[in-house]
Amino acid sequence: MLNPTLKDAILEALLTHLNVFVSIYNYETDEVVLVNQSGLELFKVRDEKEFTEKYGIEVRETPITSEQNAKLRKSLEEGEQWSEEVQCKVHDGTTFWAIINIDTFQYNSQTYLITRIINLEKLLQFEKENGIKGREYFKNQIDQVISYRTAALLETLTKLERSQYELSEALHREHRLNELKSQFITFASHEFRTPLGIISSSANLLSKYNKIGNVQKQEEHIQSILENVKTLTALLEESLSMSKLDENSIDRPLNFYLSKIMQEIKESL
């Protein structure tokens, strides 16, 4: 099986050297998305942009009538190939007779037209030089290349869609990470302040009881400080756990003795 790089190179070479005009046109957006090198040379333009500026989607010497356009649309909507012999006009005034073949394919609910234009003058020269039915030969060769190229284009578009999905997922994860950071800051601001306040209060009371020599009260407040340091340590460890943050739930049950706190406040006054 060909690797993607080699396959693209082969397809590009085929489209370049096939010596037949090939274009892909977005039927919904009215945009020419591809003209092969032979097509650019045939109509004497540099790229798709210049082709659109000079021709739009009409290369006939005599513009298509509304009746012909209705038949063309009906044929394409029914999934049939459109084929006709027309006289084409180049922007420098030269003309040539050609066979135009048009097919359609669908992608992302949009319709694309694949147009092949075979210069009959070159076709007759090829037939004369090779002694075979040039039209049928060219038609078979072109159909094979276009089918192959269409499949490759659809594969490329599918890969592009997948890349866009992966990018969207990455952006979603980044957004989620920012949310977690915000949640952590909110959590830390609230949960850390309580034990820090108790530590600060206990330290002040410890200093007070140290002056009056109350050893029992000193021990109680030292114990309070140690307990709240443990609480802070445990909170910090859980805060740094990404699994806990992702679950959006950090449980930290605490023993809270209201009567003891009230008594300490009363004694400190």
C-alpha atoms as a PDB file:
ATOM      1  CA  MET A   1       0.000   0.000   0.000  1.00  0.00           C
ATOM      2  CA  LEU A   2       1.277   3.477  -0.879  1.00  0.00           C
ATOM      3  CA  ASN A   3       2.129   5.781   1.978  1.00  0.00           C
ATOM      4  CA  PRO A   4       0.150   9.075   2.005  1.00  0.00           C
ATOM      5  CA  THR A   5       3.101  11.215   0.907  1.00  0.00           C
ATOM      6  CA  LEU A   6       3.904   9.055  -2.119  1.00  0.00           C
ATOM      7  CA  LYS A   7       0.221   8.767  -3.003  1.00  0.00           C
ATOM      8  CA  ASP A   8      -0.190  12.549  -2.989  1.00  0.00           C
ATOM      9  CA  ALA A   9       2.924  12.913  -5.141  1.00  0.00           C
ATOM     10  CA  ILE A  10       1.593  10.390  -7.682  1.00  0.00           C
ATOM     11  CA  LEU A  11      -1.820  12.063  -7.823  1.00  0.00           C
ATOM     12  CA  GLU A  12      -0.210  15.462  -8.247  1.00  0.00           C
ATOM     13  CA  ALA A  13       1.959  14.127 -11.076  1.00  0.00           C
ATOM     14  CA  LEU A  14      -1.039  12.550 -12.812  1.00  0.00           C
ATOM     15  CA  LEU A  15      -3.078  15.734 -12.636  1.00  0.00           C
ATOM     16  CA  THR A  16      -0.108  17.788 -13.788  1.00  0.00           C
ATOM     17  CA  HIS A  17       0.921  15.649 -16.761  1.00  0.00           C
ATOM     18  CA  LEU A  18      -2.459  14.313 -17.896  1.00  0.00           C
ATOM     19  CA  ASN A  19      -2.768  17.259 -20.309  1.00  0.00           C
ATOM     20  CA  VAL A  20      -6.492  17.526 -19.606  1.00  0.00           C
ATOM     21  CA  PHE A  21      -8.329  20.321 -17.777  1.00  0.00           C
ATOM     22  CA  VAL A  22      -9.587  19.157 -14.363  1.00  0.00           C
ATOM     23  CA  SER A  23     -11.364  21.393 -11.842  1.00  0.00           C
ATOM     24  CA  ILE A  24     -13.339  20.971  -8.615  1.00  0.00           C
ATOM     25  CA  TYR A  25     -16.089  23.485  -7.926  1.00  0.00           C
ATOM     26  CA  ASN A  26     -18.101  23.965  -4.715  1.00  0.00           C
ATOM     27  CA  TYR A  27     -21.707  24.078  -5.886  1.00  0.00           C
ATOM     28  CA  GLU A  28     -22.941  25.583  -2.594  1.00  0.00           C
ATOM     29  CA  THR A  29     -20.404  28.394  -2.129  1.00  0.00           C
ATOM     30  CA  ASP A  30     -19.917  29.100  -5.857  1.00  0.00           C
ATOM     31  CA  GLU A  31     -16.138  28.681  -5.482  1.00  0.00           C
ATOM     32  CA  VAL A  32     -13.539  26.997  -7.698  1.00  0.00           C
ATOM     33  CA  VAL A  33     -11.361  25.116  -5.190  1.00  0.00           C
ATOM     34  CA  LEU A  34      -8.998  23.356  -7.618  1.00  0.00           C
ATOM     35  CA  VAL A  35      -7.731  23.685 -11.189  1.00  0.00           C
ATOM     36  CA  ASN A  36      -4.901  21.372 -12.231  1.00  0.00           C
ATOM     37  CA  GLN A  37      -1.742  22.627 -13.930  1.00  0.00           C
ATOM     38  CA  SER A  38      -2.847  21.523 -17.401  1.00  0.00           C
ATOM     39  CA  GLY A  39      -6.105  23.420 -16.903  1.00  0.00           C
ATOM     40  CA  LEU A  40      -4.273  26.579 -15.861  1.00  0.00           C
ATOM     41  CA  GLU A  41      -2.047  26.347 -18.929  1.00  0.00           C
ATOM     42  CA  LEU A  42      -4.989  25.610 -21.237  1.00  0.00           C
ATOM     43  CA  PHE A  43      -6.815  28.773 -20.165  1.00  0.00           C
ATOM     44  CA  LYS A  44      -3.616  30.790 -19.649  1.00  0.00           C
ATOM     45  CA  VAL A  45      -3.953  31.731 -15.978  1.00  0.00           C
ATOM     46  CA  ARG A  46      -1.632  31.399 -12.972  1.00  0.00           C
ATOM     47  CA  ASP A  47      -3.948  29.988 -10.317  1.00  0.00           C
ATOM     48  CA  GLU A  48      -7.547  29.327  -9.229  1.00  0.00           C
ATOM     49  CA  LYS A  49      -8.027  32.943  -8.153  1.00  0.00           C
ATOM     50  CA  GLU A  50      -7.103  34.317 -11.581  1.00  0.00           C
ATOM     51  CA  PHE A  51      -9.192  31.622 -13.266  1.00  0.00           C
ATOM     52  CA  THR A  52     -12.240  32.727 -11.245  1.00  0.00           C
ATOM     53  CA  GLU A  53     -11.565  36.402 -11.993  1.00  0.00           C
ATOM     54  CA  LYS A  54     -11.324  35.855 -15.763  1.00  0.00           C
ATOM     55  CA  TYR A  55     -13.874  33.083 -16.289  1.00  0.00           C
ATOM     56  CA  GLY A  56     -16.027  32.559 -13.218  1.00  0.00           C
ATOM     57  CA  ILE A  57     -17.443  29.139 -14.036  1.00  0.00           C
ATOM     58  CA  GLU A  58     -18.131  29.830 -17.726  1.00  0.00           C
ATOM     59  CA  VAL A  59     -15.506  28.927 -20.343  1.00  0.00           C
ATOM     60  CA  ARG A  60     -17.879  28.484 -23.304  1.00  0.00           C
ATOM     61  CA  GLU A  61     -17.667  30.774 -26.320  1.00  0.00           C
ATOM     62  CA  THR A  62     -21.467  31.008 -26.171  1.00  0.00           C
ATOM     63  CA  PRO A  63     -22.733  31.197 -22.552  1.00  0.00           C
ATOM     64  CA  ILE A  64     -25.034  28.409 -21.434  1.00  0.00           C
ATOM     65  CA  THR A  65     -28.739  29.191 -21.774  1.00  0.00           C
ATOM     66  CA  SER A  66     -31.198  28.973 -18.881  1.00  0.00           C
ATOM     67  CA  GLU A  67     -32.792  25.934 -20.534  1.00  0.00           C
ATOM     68  CA  GLN A  68     -29.420  24.166 -20.867  1.00  0.00           C
ATOM     69  CA  ASN A  69     -28.549  25.094 -17.284  1.00  0.00           C
ATOM     70  CA  ALA A  70     -31.830  23.583 -16.046  1.00  0.00           C
ATOM     71  CA  LYS A  71     -31.065  20.334 -17.905  1.00  0.00           C
ATOM     72  CA  LEU A  72     -27.540  20.309 -16.481  1.00  0.00           C
ATOM     73  CA  ARG A  73     -28.786  20.788 -12.913  1.00  0.00           C
ATOM     74  CA  LYS A  74     -31.452  18.108 -13.317  1.00  0.00           C
ATOM     75  CA  SER A  75     -28.928  15.631 -14.710  1.00  0.00           C
ATOM     76  CA  LEU A  76     -26.441  16.245 -11.894  1.00  0.00           C
ATOM     77  CA  GLU A  77     -29.131  16.108  -9.190  1.00  0.00           C
ATOM     78  CA  GLU A  78     -30.144  12.683 -10.521  1.00  0.00           C
ATOM     79  CA  GLY A  79     -26.541  11.501 -10.208  1.00  0.00           C
ATOM     80  CA  GLU A  80     -25.877  11.341 -13.946  1.00  0.00           C
ATOM     81  CA  GLN A  81     -22.756  12.514 -15.743  1.00  0.00           C
ATOM     82  CA  TRP A  82     -23.137  15.550 -17.970  1.00  0.00           C
ATOM     83  CA  SER A  83     -21.244  15.487 -21.253  1.00  0.00           C
ATOM     84  CA  GLU A  84     -21.296  17.839 -24.234  1.00  0.00           C
ATOM     85  CA  GLU A  85     -19.143  19.215 -27.036  1.00  0.00           C
ATOM     86  CA  VAL A  86     -18.703  22.982 -26.853  1.00  0.00           C
ATOM     87  CA  GLN A  87     -16.480  25.713 -28.177  1.00  0.00           C
ATOM     88  CA  CYS A  88     -14.345  27.181 -25.388  1.00  0.00           C
ATOM     89  CA  LYS A  89     -12.906  30.683 -25.365  1.00  0.00           C
ATOM     90  CA  VAL A  90      -9.608  31.740 -23.771  1.00  0.00           C
ATOM     91  CA  HIS A  91      -9.345  35.265 -22.344  1.00  0.00           C
ATOM     92  CA  ASP A  92      -6.857  36.235 -25.088  1.00  0.00           C
ATOM     93  CA  GLY A  93      -9.573  35.666 -27.709  1.00  0.00           C
ATOM     94  CA  THR A  94      -8.505  32.242 -29.003  1.00  0.00           C
ATOM     95  CA  THR A  95     -11.061  29.435 -29.137  1.00  0.00           C
ATOM     96  CA  PHE A  96     -11.033  25.648 -29.374  1.00  0.00           C
ATOM     97  CA  TRP A  97     -13.553  22.827 -29.506  1.00  0.00           C
ATOM     98  CA  ALA A  98     -13.681  20.568 -26.484  1.00  0.00           C
ATOM     99  CA  ILE A  99     -15.587  17.837 -24.693  1.00  0.00           C
ATOM    100  CA  ILE A 100     -16.842  18.819 -21.235  1.00  0.00           C
ATOM    101  CA  ASN A 101     -17.666  16.084 -18.714  1.00  0.00           C
ATOM    102  CA  ILE A 102     -19.179  17.004 -15.324  1.00  0.00           C
ATOM    103  CA  ASP A 103     -19.797  14.746 -12.306  1.00  0.00           C
ATOM    104  CA  THR A 104     -20.742  15.471  -8.687  1.00  0.00           C
ATOM    105  CA  PHE A 105     -19.875  14.207  -5.229  1.00  0.00           C
ATOM    106  CA  GLN A 106     -21.134  15.081  -1.751  1.00  0.00           C
ATOM    107  CA  TYR A 107     -19.099  16.053   1.306  1.00  0.00           C
ATOM    108  CA  ASN A 108     -20.318  17.614   4.562  1.00  0.00           C
ATOM    109  CA  SER A 109     -23.773  18.198   3.042  1.00  0.00           C
ATOM    110  CA  GLN A 110     -22.199  20.209   0.221  1.00  0.00           C
ATOM    111  CA  THR A 111     -22.138  19.374  -3.480  1.00  0.00           C
ATOM    112  CA  TYR A 112     -18.912  19.524  -5.493  1.00  0.00           C
ATOM    113  CA  LEU A 113     -18.649  19.431  -9.287  1.00  0.00           C
ATOM    114  CA  ILE A 114     -15.736  17.713 -11.028  1.00  0.00           C
ATOM    115  CA  THR A 115     -15.230  19.108 -14.518  1.00  0.00           C
ATOM    116  CA  ARG A 116     -12.969  17.631 -17.201  1.00  0.00           C
ATOM    117  CA  ILE A 117     -12.328  19.494 -20.428  1.00  0.00           C
ATOM    118  CA  ILE A 118     -10.634  17.623 -23.261  1.00  0.00           C
ATOM    119  CA  ASN A 119      -9.179  19.777 -26.034  1.00  0.00           C
ATOM    120  CA  LEU A 120     -10.451  18.092 -29.219  1.00  0.00           C
ATOM    121  CA  GLU A 121      -7.609  19.491 -31.303  1.00  0.00           C
ATOM    122  CA  LYS A 122      -5.056  17.724 -29.106  1.00  0.00           C
ATOM    123  CA  LEU A 123      -7.309  14.691 -28.948  1.00  0.00           C
ATOM    124  CA  LEU A 124      -7.473  14.386 -32.739  1.00  0.00           C
ATOM    125  CA  GLN A 125      -3.711  14.848 -32.936  1.00  0.00           C
ATOM    126  CA  PHE A 126      -3.237  12.096 -30.341  1.00  0.00           C
ATOM    127  CA  GLU A 127      -5.624   9.808 -32.243  1.00  0.00           C
ATOM    128  CA  LYS A 128      -3.811  10.470 -35.514  1.00  0.00           C
ATOM    129  CA  GLU A 129      -0.391   9.796 -33.996  1.00  0.00           C
ATOM    130  CA  ASN A 130      -1.405   6.643 -32.105  1.00  0.00           C
ATOM    131  CA  GLY A 131      -4.018   5.172 -34.408  1.00  0.00           C
ATOM    132  CA  ILE A 132      -6.524   4.479 -31.605  1.00  0.00           C
ATOM    133  CA  LYS A 133      -9.840   5.903 -30.478  1.00  0.00           C
ATOM    134  CA  GLY A 134      -8.472   8.819 -28.585  1.00  0.00           C
ATOM    135  CA  ARG A 135     -11.700   9.982 -26.991  1.00  0.00           C
ATOM    136  CA  GLU A 136     -12.466   6.659 -25.350  1.00  0.00           C
ATOM    137  CA  TYR A 137      -8.867   6.252 -24.220  1.00  0.00           C
ATOM    138  CA  PHE A 138      -8.757   9.691 -22.633  1.00  0.00           C
ATOM    139  CA  LYS A 139     -12.169   9.244 -21.038  1.00  0.00           C
ATOM    140  CA  ASN A 140     -11.144   5.987 -19.347  1.00  0.00           C
ATOM    141  CA  GLN A 141      -7.853   7.443 -18.144  1.00  0.00           C
ATOM    142  CA  ILE A 142      -9.489  10.578 -16.792  1.00  0.00           C
ATOM    143  CA  ASP A 143     -12.278   8.692 -15.020  1.00  0.00           C
ATOM    144  CA  GLN A 144      -9.712   6.535 -13.223  1.00  0.00           C
ATOM    145  CA  VAL A 145      -7.621   9.499 -12.120  1.00  0.00           C
ATOM    146  CA  ILE A 146     -10.641  11.540 -10.992  1.00  0.00           C
ATOM    147  CA  SER A 147     -12.083   8.650  -8.990  1.00  0.00           C
ATOM    148  CA  TYR A 148      -8.724   8.128  -7.309  1.00  0.00           C
ATOM    149  CA  ARG A 149      -8.260  11.836  -6.655  1.00  0.00           C
ATOM    150  CA  THR A 150     -11.789  12.222  -5.255  1.00  0.00           C
ATOM    151  CA  ALA A 151     -11.219   9.366  -2.811  1.00  0.00           C
ATOM    152  CA  ALA A 152      -7.924  10.943  -1.732  1.00  0.00           C
ATOM    153  CA  LEU A 153      -9.593  14.335  -1.295  1.00  0.00           C
ATOM    154  CA  LEU A 154     -12.327  12.836   0.887  1.00  0.00           C
ATOM    155  CA  GLU A 155      -9.681  11.056   2.963  1.00  0.00           C
ATOM    156  CA  THR A 156      -7.794  14.326   3.443  1.00  0.00           C
ATOM    157  CA  LEU A 157     -10.978  16.140   4.465  1.00  0.00           C
ATOM    158  CA  THR A 158     -11.768  13.349   6.946  1.00  0.00           C
ATOM    159  CA  LYS A 159      -8.303  13.699   8.491  1.00  0.00           C
ATOM    160  CA  LEU A 160      -8.823  17.452   8.697  1.00  0.00           C
ATOM    161  CA  GLU A 161     -12.116  16.927  10.531  1.00  0.00           C
ATOM    162  CA  ARG A 162     -10.397  14.535  12.951  1.00  0.00           C
ATOM    163  CA  SER A 163      -7.643  17.086  13.600  1.00  0.00           C
ATOM    164  CA  GLN A 164     -10.240  19.771  14.275  1.00  0.00           C
ATOM    165  CA  TYR A 165     -11.993  17.445  16.735  1.00  0.00           C
ATOM    166  CA  GLU A 166      -8.715  16.709  18.537  1.00  0.00           C
ATOM    167  CA  LEU A 167      -7.964  20.442  18.710  1.00  0.00           C
ATOM    168  CA  SER A 168     -11.427  21.064  20.152  1.00  0.00           C
ATOM    169  CA  GLU A 169     -10.826  18.375  22.784  1.00  0.00           C
ATOM    170  CA  ALA A 170      -7.461  19.911  23.697  1.00  0.00           C
ATOM    171  CA  LEU A 171      -9.069  23.337  24.091  1.00  0.00           C
ATOM    172  CA  HIS A 172     -11.791  21.780  26.260  1.00  0.00           C
ATOM    173  CA  ARG A 173      -9.161  20.161  28.499  1.00  0.00           C
ATOM    174  CA  GLU A 174      -7.320  23.469  28.788  1.00  0.00           C
ATOM    175  CA  HIS A 175     -10.576  25.196  29.748  1.00  0.00           C
ATOM    176  CA  ARG A 176     -11.242  22.500  32.356  1.00  0.00           C
ATOM    177  CA  LEU A 177      -7.737  22.970  33.779  1.00  0.00           C
ATOM    178  CA  ASN A 178      -8.348  26.694  34.149  1.00  0.00           C
ATOM    179  CA  GLU A 179     -11.600  25.923  35.967  1.00  0.00           C
ATOM    180  CA  LEU A 180      -9.745  23.595  38.335  1.00  0.00           C
ATOM    181  CA  LYS A 181      -7.174  26.282  39.041  1.00  0.00           C
ATOM    182  CA  SER A 182      -9.950  28.723  39.879  1.00  0.00           C
ATOM    183  CA  GLN A 183     -11.665  26.153  42.110  1.00  0.00           C
ATOM    184  CA  PHE A 184      -8.396  25.454  43.905  1.00  0.00           C
ATOM    185  CA  ILE A 185      -7.805  29.128  44.626  1.00  0.00           C
ATOM    186  CA  THR A 186     -11.358  29.502  45.961  1.00  0.00           C
ATOM    187  CA  PHE A 187     -11.013  26.352  48.043  1.00  0.00           C
ATOM    188  CA  ALA A 188      -7.605  27.312  49.432  1.00  0.00           C
ATOM    189  CA  SER A 189      -8.763  30.818  50.287  1.00  0.00           C
ATOM    190  CA  HIS A 190     -11.722  29.512  52.302  1.00  0.00           C
ATOM    191  CA  GLU A 191     -10.487  26.262  53.831  1.00  0.00           C
ATOM    192  CA  PHE A 192      -7.001  27.425  54.800  1.00  0.00           C
ATOM    193  CA  ARG A 193      -8.192  30.591  56.531  1.00  0.00           C
ATOM    194  CA  THR A 194     -10.116  28.725  59.270  1.00  0.00           C
ATOM    195  CA  PRO A 195      -7.199  26.696  60.723  1.00  0.00           C
ATOM    196  CA  LEU A 196      -4.833  29.634  60.194  1.00  0.00           C
ATOM    197  CA  GLY A 197      -7.200  31.842  62.198  1.00  0.00           C
ATOM    198  CA  ILE A 198      -7.312  29.271  65.000  1.00  0.00           C
ATOM    199  CA  ILE A 199      -3.507  28.997  64.991  1.00  0.00           C
ATOM    200  CA  SER A 200      -3.182  32.785  65.185  1.00  0.00           C
ATOM    201  CA  SER A 201      -5.737  33.042  67.999  1.00  0.00           C
ATOM    202  CA  SER A 202      -4.137  30.162  69.928  1.00  0.00           C
ATOM    203  CA  ALA A 203      -0.695  31.725  69.567  1.00  0.00           C
ATOM    204  CA  ASN A 204      -1.984  35.014  71.001  1.00  0.00           C
ATOM    205  CA  LEU A 205      -3.656  33.207  73.922  1.00  0.00           C
ATOM    206  CA  LEU A 206      -0.509  31.149  74.460  1.00  0.00           C
ATOM    207  CA  SER A 207       1.484  34.359  74.772  1.00  0.00           C
ATOM    208  CA  LYS A 208      -1.077  35.711  77.280  1.00  0.00           C
ATOM    209  CA  TYR A 209      -1.085  32.580  79.477  1.00  0.00           C
ATOM    210  CA  ASN A 210       2.696  32.410  79.316  1.00  0.00           C
ATOM    211  CA  LYS A 211       2.869  35.800  81.014  1.00  0.00           C
ATOM    212  CA  ILE A 212       0.585  34.728  83.878  1.00  0.00           C
ATOM    213  CA  GLY A 213       2.169  31.285  84.185  1.00  0.00           C
ATOM    214  CA  ASN A 214      -0.946  29.204  83.394  1.00  0.00           C
ATOM    215  CA  VAL A 215       0.722  25.957  82.212  1.00  0.00           C
ATOM    216  CA  GLN A 216      -2.535  24.052  81.645  1.00  0.00           C
ATOM    217  CA  LYS A 217      -3.895  26.703  79.275  1.00  0.00           C
ATOM    218  CA  GLN A 218      -0.557  26.846  77.496  1.00  0.00           C
ATOM    219  CA  GLU A 219      -0.701  23.097  76.836  1.00  0.00           C
ATOM    220  CA  GLU A 220      -4.275  23.347  75.557  1.00  0.00           C
ATOM    221  CA  HIS A 221      -3.393  26.026  73.032  1.00  0.00           C
ATOM    222  CA  ILE A 222      -0.190  24.269  71.973  1.00  0.00           C
ATOM    223  CA  GLN A 223      -2.326  21.188  71.275  1.00  0.00           C
ATOM    224  CA  SER A 224      -4.792  23.342  69.320  1.00  0.00           C
ATOM    225  CA  ILE A 225      -1.955  24.726  67.204  1.00  0.00           C
ATOM    226  CA  LEU A 226      -0.600  21.228  66.482  1.00  0.00           C
ATOM    227  CA  GLU A 227      -4.040  19.909  65.507  1.00  0.00           C
ATOM    228  CA  ASN A 228      -4.663  22.757  63.105  1.00  0.00           C
ATOM    229  CA  VAL A 229      -1.206  22.348  61.553  1.00  0.00           C
ATOM    230  CA  LYS A 230      -2.153  18.713  60.870  1.00  0.00           C
ATOM    231  CA  THR A 231      -5.436  19.905  59.370  1.00  0.00           C
ATOM    232  CA  LEU A 232      -3.613  22.328  57.073  1.00  0.00           C
ATOM    233  CA  THR A 233      -1.171  19.610  56.004  1.00  0.00           C
ATOM    234  CA  ALA A 234      -4.015  17.226  55.178  1.00  0.00           C
ATOM    235  CA  LEU A 235      -5.883  19.928  53.256  1.00  0.00           C
ATOM    236  CA  LEU A 236      -2.772  20.739  51.249  1.00  0.00           C
ATOM    237  CA  GLU A 237      -2.203  17.086  50.348  1.00  0.00           C
ATOM    238  CA  GLU A 238      -5.778  16.670  49.149  1.00  0.00           C
ATOM    239  CA  SER A 239      -5.663  19.969  47.274  1.00  0.00           C
ATOM    240  CA  LEU A 240      -2.697  18.725  45.275  1.00  0.00           C
ATOM    241  CA  SER A 241      -4.514  15.530  44.298  1.00  0.00           C
ATOM    242  CA  MET A 242      -5.659  16.015  40.684  1.00  0.00           C
ATOM    243  CA  SER A 243      -8.093  13.107  40.913  1.00  0.00           C
ATOM    244  CA  LYS A 244      -9.862  14.793  43.829  1.00  0.00           C
ATOM    245  CA  LEU A 245      -9.939  18.090  42.000  1.00  0.00           C
ATOM    246  CA  ASP A 246     -11.312  16.434  38.867  1.00  0.00           C
ATOM    247  CA  GLU A 247     -14.094  14.818  40.912  1.00  0.00           C
ATOM    248  CA  ASN A 248     -14.828  18.281  42.293  1.00  0.00           C
ATOM    249  CA  SER A 249     -15.121  16.841  45.793  1.00  0.00           C
ATOM    250  CA  ILE A 250     -12.645  17.183  48.647  1.00  0.00           C
ATOM    251  CA  ASP A 251     -14.026  15.887  51.916  1.00  0.00           C
ATOM    252  CA  ARG A 252     -12.363  16.941  55.140  1.00  0.00           C
ATOM    253  CA  PRO A 253     -14.447  16.027  58.226  1.00  0.00           C
ATOM    254  CA  LEU A 254     -13.425  17.998  61.317  1.00  0.00           C
ATOM    255  CA  ASN A 255     -14.284  17.599  64.985  1.00  0.00           C
ATOM    256  CA  PHE A 256     -15.730  20.881  66.117  1.00  0.00           C
ATOM    257  CA  TYR A 257     -16.496  21.478  69.812  1.00  0.00           C
ATOM    258  CA  LEU A 258     -18.529  24.653  70.010  1.00  0.00           C
ATOM    259  CA  SER A 259     -18.661  24.759  73.823  1.00  0.00           C
ATOM    260  CA  LYS A 260     -14.873  24.533  74.006  1.00  0.00           C
ATOM    261  CA  ILE A 261     -14.414  27.348  71.521  1.00  0.00           C
ATOM    262  CA  MET A 262     -16.919  29.549  73.316  1.00  0.00           C
ATOM    263  CA  GLN A 263     -15.188  28.894  76.650  1.00  0.00           C
ATOM    264  CA  GLU A 264     -11.818  29.850  75.152  1.00  0.00           C
ATOM    265  CA  ILE A 265     -13.272  33.048  73.772  1.00  0.00           C
ATOM    266  CA  LYS A 266     -14.846  33.873  77.140  1.00  0.00           C
ATOM    267  CA  GLU A 267     -11.581  33.307  78.996  1.00  0.00           C
ATOM    268  CA  SER A 268      -9.629  35.413  76.540  1.00  0.00           C
ATOM    269  CA  LEU A 269     -11.819  38.459  77.147  1.00  0.00           C
END
